[in-house]
Protein backbone atom coordinates (compact mmCIF):
# COMPACT_ATOMS: atom_id res chain seq x y z
CA UNK A 1 -18.93 -30.52 -38.97
CA UNK A 2 -16.47 -29.71 -36.16
CA UNK A 3 -16.10 -26.13 -37.40
CA UNK A 4 -19.88 -25.77 -37.58
CA UNK A 5 -20.26 -27.03 -34.02
CA UNK A 6 -17.50 -24.72 -32.76
CA UNK A 7 -19.23 -21.75 -34.37
CA UNK A 8 -22.61 -22.78 -33.03
CA UNK A 9 -21.44 -22.91 -29.43
CA UNK A 10 -19.02 -20.00 -29.57
CA UNK A 11 -20.13 -17.69 -26.70
CA UNK A 12 -20.29 -13.95 -27.33
CA UNK A 13 -19.11 -13.05 -23.82
CA UNK A 14 -17.79 -14.56 -20.60
CA UNK A 15 -19.96 -14.46 -17.48
CA UNK A 16 -18.20 -13.52 -14.25
CA UNK A 17 -19.31 -14.73 -10.81
CA UNK A 18 -19.60 -12.86 -7.52
CA UNK A 19 -19.77 -15.06 -4.41
CA UNK A 20 -21.64 -18.29 -5.23
CA UNK A 21 -24.80 -18.78 -3.16
CA UNK A 22 -24.62 -15.28 -1.67
CA UNK A 23 -26.10 -13.28 -4.55
CA UNK A 24 -28.86 -11.71 -2.44
CA UNK A 25 -26.22 -10.26 -0.09
CA UNK A 26 -24.01 -8.82 -2.83
CA UNK A 27 -24.92 -5.22 -2.05
CA UNK A 28 -24.00 -5.66 1.61
CA UNK A 29 -20.84 -7.61 0.78
CA UNK A 30 -19.80 -4.77 -1.53
CA UNK A 31 -19.48 -2.40 1.46
CA UNK A 32 -16.39 -4.06 3.03
CA UNK A 33 -14.96 -4.73 -0.44
CA UNK A 34 -15.28 -1.03 -1.35
CA UNK A 35 -13.74 -0.10 1.98
CA UNK A 36 -10.79 -2.40 1.26
CA UNK A 37 -10.30 -0.81 -2.15
CA UNK A 38 -10.42 2.71 -0.71
CA UNK A 39 -7.92 1.84 2.03
CA UNK A 40 -5.61 0.11 -0.45
CA UNK A 41 -5.59 2.96 -2.97
CA UNK A 42 -5.42 5.74 -0.37
CA UNK A 43 -2.82 3.88 1.73
CA UNK A 44 -0.47 3.27 -1.19
CA UNK A 45 -1.00 6.82 -2.46
CA UNK A 46 -0.06 8.17 0.99
CA UNK A 47 3.14 6.10 0.91
CA UNK A 48 4.03 7.74 -2.41
CA UNK A 49 3.00 11.16 -1.10
CA UNK A 50 5.31 10.77 1.90
CA UNK A 51 8.36 9.38 0.06
CA UNK A 52 8.42 11.58 -3.07
CA UNK A 53 8.99 15.06 -1.54
CA UNK A 54 11.33 13.90 1.27
CA UNK A 55 15.00 13.69 0.15
CA UNK A 56 15.93 11.73 3.29
CA UNK A 57 13.67 8.91 2.06
CA UNK A 58 15.21 8.72 -1.40
CA UNK A 59 17.10 5.59 -0.39
CA UNK A 60 16.93 2.18 -2.13
CA UNK A 61 14.60 0.67 0.45
CA UNK A 62 12.01 3.43 0.11
CA UNK A 63 12.34 3.66 -3.68
CA UNK A 64 11.53 -0.06 -3.91
CA UNK A 65 8.62 0.55 -1.52
CA UNK A 66 7.35 3.23 -3.92
CA UNK A 67 7.52 0.73 -6.78
CA UNK A 68 5.54 -1.74 -4.68
CA UNK A 69 2.90 0.90 -3.92
CA UNK A 70 2.53 1.83 -7.61
CA UNK A 71 2.11 -1.85 -8.53
CA UNK A 72 -0.50 -2.34 -5.80
CA UNK A 73 -2.50 0.65 -7.05
CA UNK A 74 -2.40 -0.82 -10.57
CA UNK A 75 -3.60 -4.21 -9.31
CA UNK A 76 -6.49 -2.61 -7.43
CA UNK A 77 -7.57 -0.51 -10.41
CA UNK A 78 -7.45 -3.50 -12.76
CA UNK A 79 -10.05 -5.44 -10.75
CA UNK A 80 -12.35 -2.64 -9.50
CA UNK A 81 -14.57 -2.33 -12.63
CA UNK A 82 -15.74 -5.93 -12.85
CA UNK A 83 -16.03 -6.60 -9.11
CA UNK A 84 -18.16 -3.51 -8.41
CA UNK A 85 -20.29 -4.00 -11.55
CA UNK A 86 -21.19 -7.48 -10.28
CA UNK A 87 -21.90 -6.52 -6.67
CA UNK A 88 -23.70 -3.24 -7.43
CA UNK A 89 -25.47 -3.83 -10.75
CA UNK A 90 -25.36 -7.63 -11.19
CA UNK A 91 -23.63 -6.98 -14.53
CA UNK A 92 -21.74 -10.22 -15.11
CA UNK A 93 -20.98 -10.03 -18.82
CA UNK A 94 -17.50 -9.19 -20.06
CA UNK A 95 -16.42 -9.25 -23.70
CA UNK A 96 -13.53 -11.38 -24.89
CA UNK A 97 -11.24 -8.42 -25.55
CA UNK A 98 -11.98 -6.81 -22.17
CA UNK A 99 -11.42 -10.15 -20.43
CA UNK A 100 -8.09 -10.75 -22.16
CA UNK A 101 -6.96 -7.20 -21.39
CA UNK A 102 -7.92 -7.57 -17.73
CA UNK A 103 -6.09 -10.87 -17.25
CA UNK A 104 -3.03 -9.39 -18.98
CA UNK A 105 -2.88 -6.47 -16.53
CA UNK A 106 -3.62 -8.64 -13.48
CA UNK A 107 -0.96 -11.24 -14.24
CA UNK A 108 1.69 -8.86 -15.57
CA UNK A 109 1.34 -6.63 -12.50
CA UNK A 110 1.46 -9.70 -10.23
CA UNK A 111 4.73 -10.79 -11.86
CA UNK A 112 6.02 -7.21 -11.58
CA UNK A 113 5.17 -7.15 -7.87
CA UNK A 114 6.93 -10.48 -7.40
CA UNK A 115 10.02 -9.01 -9.09
CA UNK A 116 9.87 -5.91 -6.87
CA UNK A 117 9.71 -8.12 -3.77
CA UNK A 118 12.82 -9.91 -5.05
CA UNK A 119 14.55 -6.53 -5.50
CA UNK A 120 13.61 -5.63 -1.92
CA UNK A 121 15.09 -8.92 -0.70
CA UNK A 122 18.31 -8.08 -2.55
CA UNK A 123 18.27 -4.64 -0.90
CA UNK A 124 18.07 -6.25 2.57
CA UNK A 125 20.77 -8.75 1.63
CA UNK A 126 23.23 -6.02 0.60
CA UNK A 127 22.34 -3.80 3.59
CA UNK A 128 23.06 -6.58 6.10
CA UNK A 129 25.69 -8.74 4.41
CA UNK A 130 27.71 -6.02 2.68
CA UNK A 131 26.82 -2.68 4.31
CA UNK A 132 30.07 -0.91 3.38
CA UNK A 133 29.31 -1.29 -0.34
CA UNK A 134 25.57 -0.61 -0.01
CA UNK A 135 25.65 2.85 -1.63
CA UNK A 136 28.04 1.78 -4.39
CA UNK A 137 25.98 -1.32 -5.31
CA UNK A 138 22.48 0.14 -5.14
CA UNK A 139 23.04 3.36 -7.04
CA UNK A 140 20.04 5.35 -8.40
CA UNK A 141 20.69 4.33 -12.05
CA UNK A 142 20.93 0.67 -11.03
CA UNK A 143 17.72 0.91 -9.00
CA UNK A 144 15.95 2.49 -11.99
CA UNK A 145 17.14 -0.38 -14.22
CA UNK A 146 15.91 -2.92 -11.68
CA UNK A 147 12.48 -1.29 -11.57
CA UNK A 148 12.27 -1.08 -15.37
CA UNK A 149 13.43 -4.70 -15.61
CA UNK A 150 10.67 -5.79 -13.20
CA UNK A 151 8.03 -4.08 -15.35
CA UNK A 152 9.39 -5.39 -18.65
CA UNK A 153 9.62 -8.88 -17.19
CA UNK A 154 5.94 -8.89 -16.28
CA UNK A 155 4.85 -7.47 -19.64
CA UNK A 156 7.05 -9.76 -21.78
CA UNK A 157 6.05 -12.94 -19.92
CA UNK A 158 2.33 -12.17 -20.14
CA UNK A 159 2.20 -10.72 -23.66
CA UNK A 160 1.71 -14.12 -25.41
CA UNK A 161 -1.34 -14.98 -23.29
CA UNK A 162 -3.96 -12.59 -24.72
CA UNK A 163 -2.65 -13.31 -28.24
CA UNK A 164 -3.02 -17.08 -27.78
CA UNK A 165 -6.38 -16.84 -26.01
CA UNK A 166 -7.80 -14.58 -28.71
CA UNK A 167 -7.13 -17.21 -31.38
CA UNK A 168 -8.79 -20.10 -29.50
CA UNK A 169 -12.34 -21.24 -30.09
CA UNK A 170 -14.60 -21.33 -27.03
CA UNK A 171 -17.34 -23.93 -27.14
CA UNK A 172 -17.61 -24.89 -23.45
CA UNK A 173 -19.63 -23.20 -20.72
CA UNK A 174 -18.58 -19.56 -20.58
CA UNK A 175 -19.21 -19.02 -16.84
CA UNK A 176 -16.04 -18.08 -14.92
CA UNK A 177 -15.90 -18.75 -11.18
CA UNK A 178 -14.26 -15.42 -10.26
CA UNK A 179 -15.22 -11.75 -10.38
CA UNK A 180 -12.43 -11.02 -12.86
CA UNK A 181 -10.58 -12.88 -15.60
CA UNK A 182 -7.65 -15.15 -14.76
CA UNK A 183 -5.60 -17.00 -17.34
CA UNK A 184 -5.86 -20.35 -15.53
CA UNK A 185 -9.63 -20.34 -15.84
CA UNK A 186 -10.17 -18.70 -19.22
CA UNK A 187 -7.96 -21.24 -21.01
CA UNK A 188 -10.13 -24.08 -19.63
CA UNK A 189 -13.08 -22.61 -21.55
CA UNK A 190 -11.34 -23.23 -24.90
CA UNK A 191 -12.18 -26.22 -27.07
CA UNK A 192 -8.96 -25.82 -29.09
CA UNK A 193 -5.77 -27.71 -28.30
CA UNK A 194 -4.26 -25.88 -25.30
CA UNK A 195 -1.39 -28.24 -24.46
CA UNK A 196 1.22 -25.69 -25.55
CA UNK A 197 -0.61 -23.05 -23.50
CA UNK A 198 -0.53 -25.30 -20.42
CA UNK A 199 3.18 -25.95 -20.83
CA UNK A 200 3.93 -22.25 -21.22
CA UNK A 201 1.73 -21.41 -18.19
CA UNK A 202 3.60 -23.93 -16.05
CA UNK A 203 6.90 -22.55 -17.32
CA UNK A 204 5.72 -19.02 -16.49
CA UNK A 205 4.87 -19.94 -12.89
CA UNK A 206 8.25 -21.64 -12.40
CA UNK A 207 10.28 -18.78 -13.88
CA UNK A 208 8.35 -15.99 -12.15
CA UNK A 209 6.94 -16.77 -8.71
CA UNK A 210 8.84 -20.05 -8.35
CA UNK A 211 12.23 -18.55 -9.16
CA UNK A 212 11.55 -15.40 -7.12
CA UNK A 213 10.55 -17.38 -4.03
CA UNK A 214 13.68 -19.52 -4.34
CA UNK A 215 15.95 -16.47 -4.64
CA UNK A 216 14.21 -14.68 -1.76
CA UNK A 217 14.68 -17.76 0.44
CA UNK A 218 18.33 -17.93 -0.59
CA UNK A 219 18.85 -14.27 0.27
CA UNK A 220 17.37 -14.76 3.74
CA UNK A 221 19.51 -17.85 4.34
CA UNK A 222 22.55 -15.64 3.66
CA UNK A 223 21.09 -12.88 5.85
CA UNK A 224 20.54 -15.30 8.77
CA UNK A 225 24.05 -16.65 8.36
CA UNK A 226 25.46 -13.12 8.58
CA UNK A 227 23.21 -12.09 11.49
CA UNK A 228 24.12 -15.18 13.54
CA UNK A 229 27.79 -14.28 13.18
CA UNK A 230 27.19 -10.94 14.95
CA UNK A 231 28.35 -11.13 18.55
CA UNK A 232 25.96 -8.59 20.06
CA UNK A 233 22.43 -9.85 20.72
CA UNK A 234 21.04 -6.32 20.41
CA UNK A 235 22.70 -5.86 17.01
CA UNK A 236 21.22 -9.17 15.84
CA UNK A 237 17.72 -8.04 16.75
CA UNK A 238 18.28 -4.66 15.13
CA UNK A 239 19.40 -6.29 11.87
CA UNK A 240 16.51 -8.77 11.82
CA UNK A 241 13.99 -6.05 12.65
CA UNK A 242 14.79 -4.29 9.36
CA UNK A 243 13.56 -7.43 7.54
CA UNK A 244 10.29 -7.97 9.40
CA UNK A 245 8.22 -5.74 7.10
CA UNK A 246 9.54 -7.36 3.95
CA UNK A 247 9.05 -10.92 5.26
CA UNK A 248 5.46 -10.08 6.23
CA UNK A 249 4.71 -8.61 2.79
CA UNK A 250 6.29 -11.63 1.06
CA UNK A 251 4.08 -14.04 3.02
CA UNK A 252 0.95 -11.94 2.40
CA UNK A 253 1.62 -11.89 -1.35
CA UNK A 254 2.88 -15.40 -2.12
CA UNK A 255 0.69 -17.59 0.09
CA UNK A 256 -2.65 -16.72 -1.65
CA UNK A 257 -1.01 -16.76 -5.10
CA UNK A 258 0.56 -20.21 -4.62
CA UNK A 259 -2.63 -21.60 -3.02
CA UNK A 260 -4.82 -20.36 -5.89
CA UNK A 261 -2.46 -21.78 -8.54
CA UNK A 262 -2.38 -25.16 -6.79
CA UNK A 263 -6.19 -25.25 -6.65
CA UNK A 264 -6.57 -24.36 -10.33
CA UNK A 265 -4.00 -26.88 -11.54
CA UNK A 266 -4.17 -29.88 -9.21
CA UNK A 267 -7.44 -29.87 -7.21
CA UNK A 268 -10.67 -31.11 -8.76
CA UNK A 269 -14.19 -30.31 -7.51
CA UNK A 270 -13.01 -27.69 -5.04
CA UNK A 271 -15.69 -25.67 -3.22
CA UNK A 272 -16.69 -22.73 -5.49
CA UNK A 273 -17.34 -20.53 -2.44
CA UNK A 274 -13.87 -21.11 -0.95
CA UNK A 275 -12.25 -20.71 -4.37
CA UNK A 276 -14.07 -17.40 -4.93
CA UNK A 277 -13.04 -16.08 -1.51
CA UNK A 278 -9.41 -17.12 -2.05
CA UNK A 279 -9.31 -15.35 -5.41
CA UNK A 280 -10.45 -12.13 -3.71
CA UNK A 281 -7.87 -12.55 -0.95
CA UNK A 282 -5.22 -13.02 -3.65
CA UNK A 283 -5.85 -9.61 -5.23
CA UNK A 284 -7.46 -7.55 -2.46
CA UNK A 285 -5.39 -8.32 0.64
CA UNK A 286 -1.78 -7.59 -0.52
CA UNK A 287 -2.54 -4.03 -1.78
CA UNK A 288 -4.52 -3.46 1.42
CA UNK A 289 -1.94 -4.80 3.87
CA UNK A 290 1.35 -3.67 2.31
CA UNK A 291 1.04 0.05 3.24
CA UNK A 292 -0.31 -0.91 6.68
CA UNK A 293 2.63 -3.25 7.38
CA UNK A 294 5.23 -0.70 6.31
CA UNK A 295 3.49 2.14 8.15
CA UNK A 296 3.44 0.16 11.38
CA UNK A 297 6.89 -1.49 11.18
CA UNK A 298 9.02 1.20 9.48
CA UNK A 299 10.00 3.97 11.87
CA UNK A 300 10.69 6.62 9.20
CA UNK A 301 7.32 6.09 7.45
CA UNK A 302 5.46 5.97 10.77
CA UNK A 303 7.08 9.21 11.98
CA UNK A 304 6.17 11.08 8.81
CA UNK A 305 2.62 9.74 8.88
CA UNK A 306 2.19 11.05 12.41
CA UNK A 307 3.63 14.41 11.32
CA UNK A 308 1.16 14.61 8.42
CA UNK A 309 -1.88 13.86 10.58
CA UNK A 310 -0.70 16.16 13.36
CA UNK A 311 -0.54 18.99 10.83
């Protein structure tokens, strides 16, 4: 009887949600969202366009920045189809396979970006705490291995999720509260036993974002310790100024991610409107702000941007 009931209520698709209660304004809301996507994709593409042909920018800091820009472009492209189909055409349906593929790309790229931010923290740590060995530690082959490791880490951690989700039975309401598929929400739709999935999800958060945040904090504790030992006040400010961009990007990325995970796991009956807005901040704001922050705060990038637009 249980198998019959599971089959009876098995939904054919998931239904995505735009902004709850604001459906009649979706077309107007899509204008700033489209603008954010355009700025994010163009901004990160410009960063790549500036760094790639300039040999003077082929340094570890700018190579890691290129990795961050590529990851941000991937994150933007992975969410564009469903968000715009909802706001432009009110097309809310997404098949199981498409949903599982989307959540795989979103989460694997998020973990990859977290790993890249950790690599950038290590770059700042070596540059300030051990500057004489900077070139010998962060060699091009080692940087390439770090970038490949960041990508493989995201893919390997997320690979079990679509496989597990595909084998669950879904007999609950199939309406998701976001405009794209997230693992935390899709697994709640399953009527199968998901205890192992919950344990693995918690383990994933701890060993990805949790571990990365801890190591980034540790690196900045060591950086502050080194900076405070510098006698010259001007040299202290100069050293700290090289970290401002990275600290800003870290806060922009981790604060929405941690907030959204806390809401999904520990908060019951949270406002659907606020939850929907936070989910969009989580995936729209970091790709939008990262190129802006680095263009404003990094002298070399800013100078080349001005040169490009002057031409």
